[in-house]
Amino acid sequence: MKLALGLAAAGLAAALTVSPAAAQSPVKPTALLFNGLAQYQPGALTPLAPLANDLRRQGWRVLIDTHLGLSTRDEEPVLIIGHSAGGARAYMFGKRMADEAKFHPTIITLDAATVWGDVYRCPVENCINIHSPTYPKIPGSYNLASRKVTNSIVTHVSIPFNSDVRKAILRQSAELLNGPSELATIVSAYSPEPPTKGRSVADLWRRNISQPRGE
């Protein structure tokens, strides 16, 4: 009888004891990365892959999508990063989240090419656009010239790979992991141009050139 009771007690204790492997891990915040135009290969082979790996090591749940955003529509990211046409998708995704009264993600873009979308300015509370010399500034966003981040020559193609640019993003993403959504870390470190009003180059082009005169 004692043996049976002892075995039962041991079984109950085992059932109530959760092994480390079975314990539920803390939910990681999501960072959603949108690649530029014509980057349809697997995410690990795209220009944003090095940054994605950096973010995973930092503690983020990272998803990579194309500039079309077809596979991540139902996600609710805390951080959205977009390169080129992926920057246009980042703004459209963030605007939809804000419009649906979910929350305002932080958006970081690299040479955002908003001409590929229909949102031409920062649609949420906090945006920063890191841009190479040949790409325009984004209204409503902090605009950080790449020359303030790195001494290397940066082009539109190379900006996602640049280690100094990635470090700048990681400084801000580390702060986001602790909760606040402001851009104080990257703003204080690099002194980007503050958000401005007005219309973007893409908006002016769409309205004044690409549309028929009658519209």
C-alpha atoms as a PDB file:
ATOM      1  CA  MET A   1       0.000   0.000   0.000  1.00  0.00           C
ATOM      2  CA  LYS A   2       2.781   2.416   0.956  1.00  0.00           C
ATOM      3  CA  LEU A   3       4.602   1.511  -2.244  1.00  0.00           C
ATOM      4  CA  ALA A   4       1.507   2.227  -4.313  1.00  0.00           C
ATOM      5  CA  LEU A   5       0.969   5.559  -2.600  1.00  0.00           C
ATOM      6  CA  GLY A   6       4.619   6.447  -3.112  1.00  0.00           C
ATOM      7  CA  LEU A   7       4.426   5.653  -6.814  1.00  0.00           C
ATOM      8  CA  ALA A   8       1.225   7.667  -7.171  1.00  0.00           C
ATOM      9  CA  ALA A   9       2.785  10.650  -5.430  1.00  0.00           C
ATOM     10  CA  ALA A  10       5.840  10.409  -7.640  1.00  0.00           C
ATOM     11  CA  GLY A  11       3.668  10.278 -10.732  1.00  0.00           C
ATOM     12  CA  LEU A  12       1.686  13.331  -9.643  1.00  0.00           C
ATOM     13  CA  ALA A  13       4.852  15.256  -8.922  1.00  0.00           C
ATOM     14  CA  ALA A  14       6.219  14.357 -12.338  1.00  0.00           C
ATOM     15  CA  ALA A  15       3.010  15.474 -14.002  1.00  0.00           C
ATOM     16  CA  LEU A  16       3.108  18.833 -12.233  1.00  0.00           C
ATOM     17  CA  THR A  17       6.783  19.427 -12.971  1.00  0.00           C
ATOM     18  CA  VAL A  18       7.345  21.209 -16.295  1.00  0.00           C
ATOM     19  CA  SER A  19      10.686  20.549 -17.904  1.00  0.00           C
ATOM     20  CA  PRO A  20      12.626  23.523 -19.274  1.00  0.00           C
ATOM     21  CA  ALA A  21      12.036  22.283 -22.810  1.00  0.00           C
ATOM     22  CA  ALA A  22       8.304  22.129 -22.288  1.00  0.00           C
ATOM     23  CA  ALA A  23       8.027  25.456 -20.483  1.00  0.00           C
ATOM     24  CA  GLN A  24       6.370  28.145 -22.527  1.00  0.00           C
ATOM     25  CA  SER A  25       8.950  30.650 -23.690  1.00  0.00           C
ATOM     26  CA  PRO A  26       8.212  34.387 -23.467  1.00  0.00           C
ATOM     27  CA  VAL A  27       6.483  35.760 -26.538  1.00  0.00           C
ATOM     28  CA  LYS A  28       8.985  37.645 -28.677  1.00  0.00           C
ATOM     29  CA  PRO A  29       7.938  40.905 -30.308  1.00  0.00           C
ATOM     30  CA  THR A  30       7.765  40.754 -34.083  1.00  0.00           C
ATOM     31  CA  ALA A  31       9.973  42.670 -36.489  1.00  0.00           C
ATOM     32  CA  LEU A  32       8.658  42.624 -40.043  1.00  0.00           C
ATOM     33  CA  LEU A  33      11.125  43.298 -42.864  1.00  0.00           C
ATOM     34  CA  PHE A  34      10.077  44.171 -46.420  1.00  0.00           C
ATOM     35  CA  ASN A  35      12.626  43.752 -49.195  1.00  0.00           C
ATOM     36  CA  GLY A  36      12.898  45.952 -52.243  1.00  0.00           C
ATOM     37  CA  LEU A  37      11.686  45.491 -55.772  1.00  0.00           C
ATOM     38  CA  ALA A  38      12.313  42.138 -57.520  1.00  0.00           C
ATOM     39  CA  GLN A  39      13.623  40.428 -54.375  1.00  0.00           C
ATOM     40  CA  TYR A  40      11.477  37.303 -54.643  1.00  0.00           C
ATOM     41  CA  GLN A  41      14.062  34.716 -53.617  1.00  0.00           C
ATOM     42  CA  PRO A  42      13.889  33.081 -50.146  1.00  0.00           C
ATOM     43  CA  GLY A  43      14.355  35.603 -47.340  1.00  0.00           C
ATOM     44  CA  ALA A  44      17.745  34.212 -46.323  1.00  0.00           C
ATOM     45  CA  LEU A  45      19.131  35.241 -49.720  1.00  0.00           C
ATOM     46  CA  THR A  46      17.832  38.811 -49.772  1.00  0.00           C
ATOM     47  CA  PRO A  47      19.593  42.099 -48.925  1.00  0.00           C
ATOM     48  CA  LEU A  48      17.815  42.353 -45.557  1.00  0.00           C
ATOM     49  CA  ALA A  49      18.913  38.868 -44.446  1.00  0.00           C
ATOM     50  CA  PRO A  50      22.013  40.059 -42.493  1.00  0.00           C
ATOM     51  CA  LEU A  51      19.893  42.569 -40.566  1.00  0.00           C
ATOM     52  CA  ALA A  52      17.267  39.878 -39.952  1.00  0.00           C
ATOM     53  CA  ASN A  53      19.922  37.645 -38.392  1.00  0.00           C
ATOM     54  CA  ASP A  54      21.132  40.547 -36.234  1.00  0.00           C
ATOM     55  CA  LEU A  55      17.604  41.134 -34.962  1.00  0.00           C
ATOM     56  CA  ARG A  56      17.044  37.457 -34.189  1.00  0.00           C
ATOM     57  CA  ARG A  57      20.193  37.390 -32.104  1.00  0.00           C
ATOM     58  CA  GLN A  58      18.907  40.469 -30.300  1.00  0.00           C
ATOM     59  CA  GLY A  59      15.713  38.665 -29.314  1.00  0.00           C
ATOM     60  CA  TRP A  60      13.172  39.506 -32.006  1.00  0.00           C
ATOM     61  CA  ARG A  61      10.819  37.231 -33.890  1.00  0.00           C
ATOM     62  CA  VAL A  62      11.725  38.200 -37.443  1.00  0.00           C
ATOM     63  CA  LEU A  63       9.714  37.774 -40.626  1.00  0.00           C
ATOM     64  CA  ILE A  64      10.906  38.729 -44.113  1.00  0.00           C
ATOM     65  CA  ASP A  65       8.496  39.452 -46.941  1.00  0.00           C
ATOM     66  CA  THR A  66       8.634  40.913 -50.430  1.00  0.00           C
ATOM     67  CA  HIS A  67       7.530  44.459 -51.200  1.00  0.00           C
ATOM     68  CA  LEU A  68       4.135  42.986 -52.106  1.00  0.00           C
ATOM     69  CA  GLY A  69       3.526  41.927 -48.506  1.00  0.00           C
ATOM     70  CA  LEU A  70       1.453  38.905 -49.473  1.00  0.00           C
ATOM     71  CA  SER A  71       2.509  36.469 -46.749  1.00  0.00           C
ATOM     72  CA  THR A  72       2.469  38.673 -43.641  1.00  0.00           C
ATOM     73  CA  ARG A  73      -0.787  40.612 -43.877  1.00  0.00           C
ATOM     74  CA  ASP A  74      -2.167  39.257 -40.594  1.00  0.00           C
ATOM     75  CA  GLU A  75       0.941  40.035 -38.544  1.00  0.00           C
ATOM     76  CA  GLU A  76       1.040  42.744 -35.868  1.00  0.00           C
ATOM     77  CA  PRO A  77       4.705  43.842 -35.771  1.00  0.00           C
ATOM     78  CA  VAL A  78       6.173  46.196 -33.214  1.00  0.00           C
ATOM     79  CA  LEU A  79       8.921  47.145 -35.666  1.00  0.00           C
ATOM     80  CA  ILE A  80       8.647  47.418 -39.454  1.00  0.00           C
ATOM     81  CA  ILE A  81      11.734  47.845 -41.627  1.00  0.00           C
ATOM     82  CA  GLY A  82      11.609  48.357 -45.379  1.00  0.00           C
ATOM     83  CA  HIS A  83      14.175  48.877 -48.102  1.00  0.00           C
ATOM     84  CA  SER A  84      13.334  50.744 -51.315  1.00  0.00           C
ATOM     85  CA  ALA A  85       9.899  49.544 -52.531  1.00  0.00           C
ATOM     86  CA  GLY A  86       9.762  47.627 -49.265  1.00  0.00           C
ATOM     87  CA  GLY A  87       9.767  51.032 -47.573  1.00  0.00           C
ATOM     88  CA  ALA A  88       6.581  51.884 -49.451  1.00  0.00           C
ATOM     89  CA  ARG A  89       5.066  48.638 -48.187  1.00  0.00           C
ATOM     90  CA  ALA A  90       6.211  49.440 -44.646  1.00  0.00           C
ATOM     91  CA  TYR A  91       4.281  52.729 -44.728  1.00  0.00           C
ATOM     92  CA  MET A  92       1.169  51.080 -46.182  1.00  0.00           C
ATOM     93  CA  PHE A  93       1.302  48.296 -43.594  1.00  0.00           C
ATOM     94  CA  GLY A  94       1.792  50.750 -40.742  1.00  0.00           C
ATOM     95  CA  LYS A  95      -1.064  52.951 -41.954  1.00  0.00           C
ATOM     96  CA  ARG A  96      -3.417  49.971 -42.046  1.00  0.00           C
ATOM     97  CA  MET A  97      -2.460  49.036 -38.498  1.00  0.00           C
ATOM     98  CA  ALA A  98      -3.103  52.584 -37.311  1.00  0.00           C
ATOM     99  CA  ASP A  99      -6.382  52.813 -39.236  1.00  0.00           C
ATOM    100  CA  GLU A 100      -7.557  49.557 -37.670  1.00  0.00           C
ATOM    101  CA  ALA A 101      -6.786  51.021 -34.221  1.00  0.00           C
ATOM    102  CA  LYS A 102      -4.360  48.254 -33.338  1.00  0.00           C
ATOM    103  CA  PHE A 103      -1.268  50.230 -32.335  1.00  0.00           C
ATOM    104  CA  HIS A 104       1.399  52.335 -33.998  1.00  0.00           C
ATOM    105  CA  PRO A 105       4.472  50.310 -34.951  1.00  0.00           C
ATOM    106  CA  THR A 106       7.855  51.958 -35.265  1.00  0.00           C
ATOM    107  CA  ILE A 107       8.894  52.183 -38.909  1.00  0.00           C
ATOM    108  CA  ILE A 108      12.510  52.334 -40.096  1.00  0.00           C
ATOM    109  CA  THR A 109      13.092  52.633 -43.816  1.00  0.00           C
ATOM    110  CA  LEU A 110      16.196  52.508 -45.974  1.00  0.00           C
ATOM    111  CA  ASP A 111      15.899  54.641 -49.110  1.00  0.00           C
ATOM    112  CA  ALA A 112      12.114  54.411 -49.014  1.00  0.00           C
ATOM    113  CA  ALA A 113      10.732  54.480 -52.558  1.00  0.00           C
ATOM    114  CA  THR A 114       7.188  55.586 -51.823  1.00  0.00           C
ATOM    115  CA  VAL A 115       6.387  55.904 -55.528  1.00  0.00           C
ATOM    116  CA  TRP A 116       5.692  52.157 -55.377  1.00  0.00           C
ATOM    117  CA  GLY A 117       2.841  52.673 -52.920  1.00  0.00           C
ATOM    118  CA  ASP A 118       0.056  55.059 -52.044  1.00  0.00           C
ATOM    119  CA  VAL A 119       1.284  56.370 -48.682  1.00  0.00           C
ATOM    120  CA  TYR A 120       3.817  59.160 -49.180  1.00  0.00           C
ATOM    121  CA  ARG A 121       4.582  60.255 -45.637  1.00  0.00           C
ATOM    122  CA  CYS A 122       5.087  58.661 -42.235  1.00  0.00           C
ATOM    123  CA  PRO A 123       1.658  57.248 -41.260  1.00  0.00           C
ATOM    124  CA  VAL A 124       2.441  56.469 -37.612  1.00  0.00           C
ATOM    125  CA  GLU A 125       3.895  58.233 -34.596  1.00  0.00           C
ATOM    126  CA  ASN A 126       7.542  57.252 -35.136  1.00  0.00           C
ATOM    127  CA  CYS A 127       9.364  56.838 -38.449  1.00  0.00           C
ATOM    128  CA  ILE A 128      12.965  57.246 -39.477  1.00  0.00           C
ATOM    129  CA  ASN A 129      14.245  57.068 -43.036  1.00  0.00           C
ATOM    130  CA  ILE A 130      17.956  56.425 -43.518  1.00  0.00           C
ATOM    131  CA  HIS A 131      18.744  57.592 -47.032  1.00  0.00           C
ATOM    132  CA  SER A 132      21.666  57.515 -49.425  1.00  0.00           C
ATOM    133  CA  PRO A 133      22.602  60.687 -51.362  1.00  0.00           C
ATOM    134  CA  THR A 134      20.378  59.876 -54.357  1.00  0.00           C
ATOM    135  CA  TYR A 135      17.130  59.208 -52.482  1.00  0.00           C
ATOM    136  CA  PRO A 136      14.635  61.791 -51.208  1.00  0.00           C
ATOM    137  CA  LYS A 137      13.507  62.625 -47.706  1.00  0.00           C
ATOM    138  CA  ILE A 138      10.153  61.444 -46.386  1.00  0.00           C
ATOM    139  CA  PRO A 139       7.748  64.019 -44.871  1.00  0.00           C
ATOM    140  CA  GLY A 140       6.635  63.250 -41.338  1.00  0.00           C
ATOM    141  CA  SER A 141       9.677  61.061 -40.775  1.00  0.00           C
ATOM    142  CA  TYR A 142      13.051  61.732 -39.231  1.00  0.00           C
ATOM    143  CA  ASN A 143      15.448  61.749 -42.172  1.00  0.00           C
ATOM    144  CA  LEU A 144      18.956  60.521 -41.506  1.00  0.00           C
ATOM    145  CA  ALA A 145      21.579  60.896 -44.223  1.00  0.00           C
ATOM    146  CA  SER A 146      23.754  57.813 -44.531  1.00  0.00           C
ATOM    147  CA  ARG A 147      26.885  60.006 -44.343  1.00  0.00           C
ATOM    148  CA  LYS A 148      26.002  60.744 -40.715  1.00  0.00           C
ATOM    149  CA  VAL A 149      26.013  57.019 -39.957  1.00  0.00           C
ATOM    150  CA  THR A 150      29.023  55.735 -41.863  1.00  0.00           C
ATOM    151  CA  ASN A 151      32.178  56.929 -43.549  1.00  0.00           C
ATOM    152  CA  SER A 152      31.743  54.289 -46.238  1.00  0.00           C
ATOM    153  CA  ILE A 153      30.311  55.071 -49.643  1.00  0.00           C
ATOM    154  CA  VAL A 154      26.694  53.950 -49.523  1.00  0.00           C
ATOM    155  CA  THR A 155      24.490  53.349 -52.541  1.00  0.00           C
ATOM    156  CA  HIS A 156      20.849  52.376 -52.815  1.00  0.00           C
ATOM    157  CA  VAL A 157      21.865  48.766 -53.364  1.00  0.00           C
ATOM    158  CA  SER A 158      24.438  48.569 -50.579  1.00  0.00           C
ATOM    159  CA  ILE A 159      22.620  50.419 -47.792  1.00  0.00           C
ATOM    160  CA  PRO A 160      20.970  47.294 -46.267  1.00  0.00           C
ATOM    161  CA  PHE A 161      24.350  45.551 -46.056  1.00  0.00           C
ATOM    162  CA  ASN A 162      26.312  48.385 -44.499  1.00  0.00           C
ATOM    163  CA  SER A 163      27.437  47.350 -41.008  1.00  0.00           C
ATOM    164  CA  ASP A 164      27.249  50.887 -39.575  1.00  0.00           C
ATOM    165  CA  VAL A 165      23.686  51.337 -40.815  1.00  0.00           C
ATOM    166  CA  ARG A 166      22.736  47.995 -39.302  1.00  0.00           C
ATOM    167  CA  LYS A 167      24.333  49.000 -35.993  1.00  0.00           C
ATOM    168  CA  ALA A 168      22.302  52.209 -35.974  1.00  0.00           C
ATOM    169  CA  ILE A 169      19.098  50.232 -36.465  1.00  0.00           C
ATOM    170  CA  LEU A 170      20.099  47.716 -33.792  1.00  0.00           C
ATOM    171  CA  ARG A 171      20.693  50.497 -31.261  1.00  0.00           C
ATOM    172  CA  GLN A 172      17.109  51.596 -31.724  1.00  0.00           C
ATOM    173  CA  SER A 173      15.649  48.083 -31.870  1.00  0.00           C
ATOM    174  CA  ALA A 174      17.381  47.208 -28.583  1.00  0.00           C
ATOM    175  CA  GLU A 175      15.584  50.137 -26.976  1.00  0.00           C
ATOM    176  CA  LEU A 176      12.262  49.016 -28.457  1.00  0.00           C
ATOM    177  CA  LEU A 177      12.654  45.623 -26.800  1.00  0.00           C
ATOM    178  CA  ASN A 178      12.413  47.424 -23.456  1.00  0.00           C
ATOM    179  CA  GLY A 179       9.081  48.991 -24.299  1.00  0.00           C
ATOM    180  CA  PRO A 180       9.254  52.649 -25.368  1.00  0.00           C
ATOM    181  CA  SER A 181       8.406  53.384 -28.973  1.00  0.00           C
ATOM    182  CA  GLU A 182      10.129  56.759 -29.243  1.00  0.00           C
ATOM    183  CA  LEU A 183      13.162  57.165 -31.464  1.00  0.00           C
ATOM    184  CA  ALA A 184      15.240  58.883 -28.775  1.00  0.00           C
ATOM    185  CA  THR A 185      18.187  56.490 -29.071  1.00  0.00           C
ATOM    186  CA  ILE A 186      18.857  56.882 -32.774  1.00  0.00           C
ATOM    187  CA  VAL A 187      17.906  60.577 -32.789  1.00  0.00           C
ATOM    188  CA  SER A 188      20.316  61.467 -29.986  1.00  0.00           C
ATOM    189  CA  ALA A 189      23.104  59.394 -31.495  1.00  0.00           C
ATOM    190  CA  TYR A 190      22.948  60.670 -35.083  1.00  0.00           C
ATOM    191  CA  SER A 191      20.922  63.929 -35.073  1.00  0.00           C
ATOM    192  CA  PRO A 192      18.731  63.303 -38.118  1.00  0.00           C
ATOM    193  CA  GLU A 193      16.607  66.056 -39.620  1.00  0.00           C
ATOM    194  CA  PRO A 194      13.346  66.345 -37.665  1.00  0.00           C
ATOM    195  CA  PRO A 195      10.017  65.499 -39.297  1.00  0.00           C
ATOM    196  CA  THR A 196       8.678  68.117 -41.677  1.00  0.00           C
ATOM    197  CA  LYS A 197       5.319  68.791 -43.274  1.00  0.00           C
ATOM    198  CA  GLY A 198       4.707  69.066 -46.975  1.00  0.00           C
ATOM    199  CA  ARG A 199       4.425  66.629 -49.836  1.00  0.00           C
ATOM    200  CA  SER A 200       6.976  64.062 -50.877  1.00  0.00           C
ATOM    201  CA  VAL A 201       8.673  63.834 -54.259  1.00  0.00           C
ATOM    202  CA  ALA A 202       6.692  60.657 -54.969  1.00  0.00           C
ATOM    203  CA  ASP A 203       3.413  62.375 -54.140  1.00  0.00           C
ATOM    204  CA  LEU A 204       4.193  65.306 -56.421  1.00  0.00           C
ATOM    205  CA  TRP A 205       5.225  62.994 -59.239  1.00  0.00           C
ATOM    206  CA  ARG A 206       2.108  60.848 -58.910  1.00  0.00           C
ATOM    207  CA  ARG A 207      -0.229  63.833 -58.816  1.00  0.00           C
ATOM    208  CA  ASN A 208       1.396  66.119 -61.365  1.00  0.00           C
ATOM    209  CA  ILE A 209       2.920  63.803 -63.946  1.00  0.00           C
ATOM    210  CA  SER A 210       1.657  60.244 -63.914  1.00  0.00           C
ATOM    211  CA  GLN A 211      -2.048  61.011 -63.702  1.00  0.00           C
ATOM    212  CA  PRO A 212      -4.059  62.380 -66.658  1.00  0.00           C
ATOM    213  CA  ARG A 213      -4.663  66.128 -66.565  1.00  0.00           C
ATOM    214  CA  GLY A 214      -8.374  65.592 -66.113  1.00  0.00           C
ATOM    215  CA  GLU A 215      -7.999  63.819 -62.758  1.00  0.00           C
END
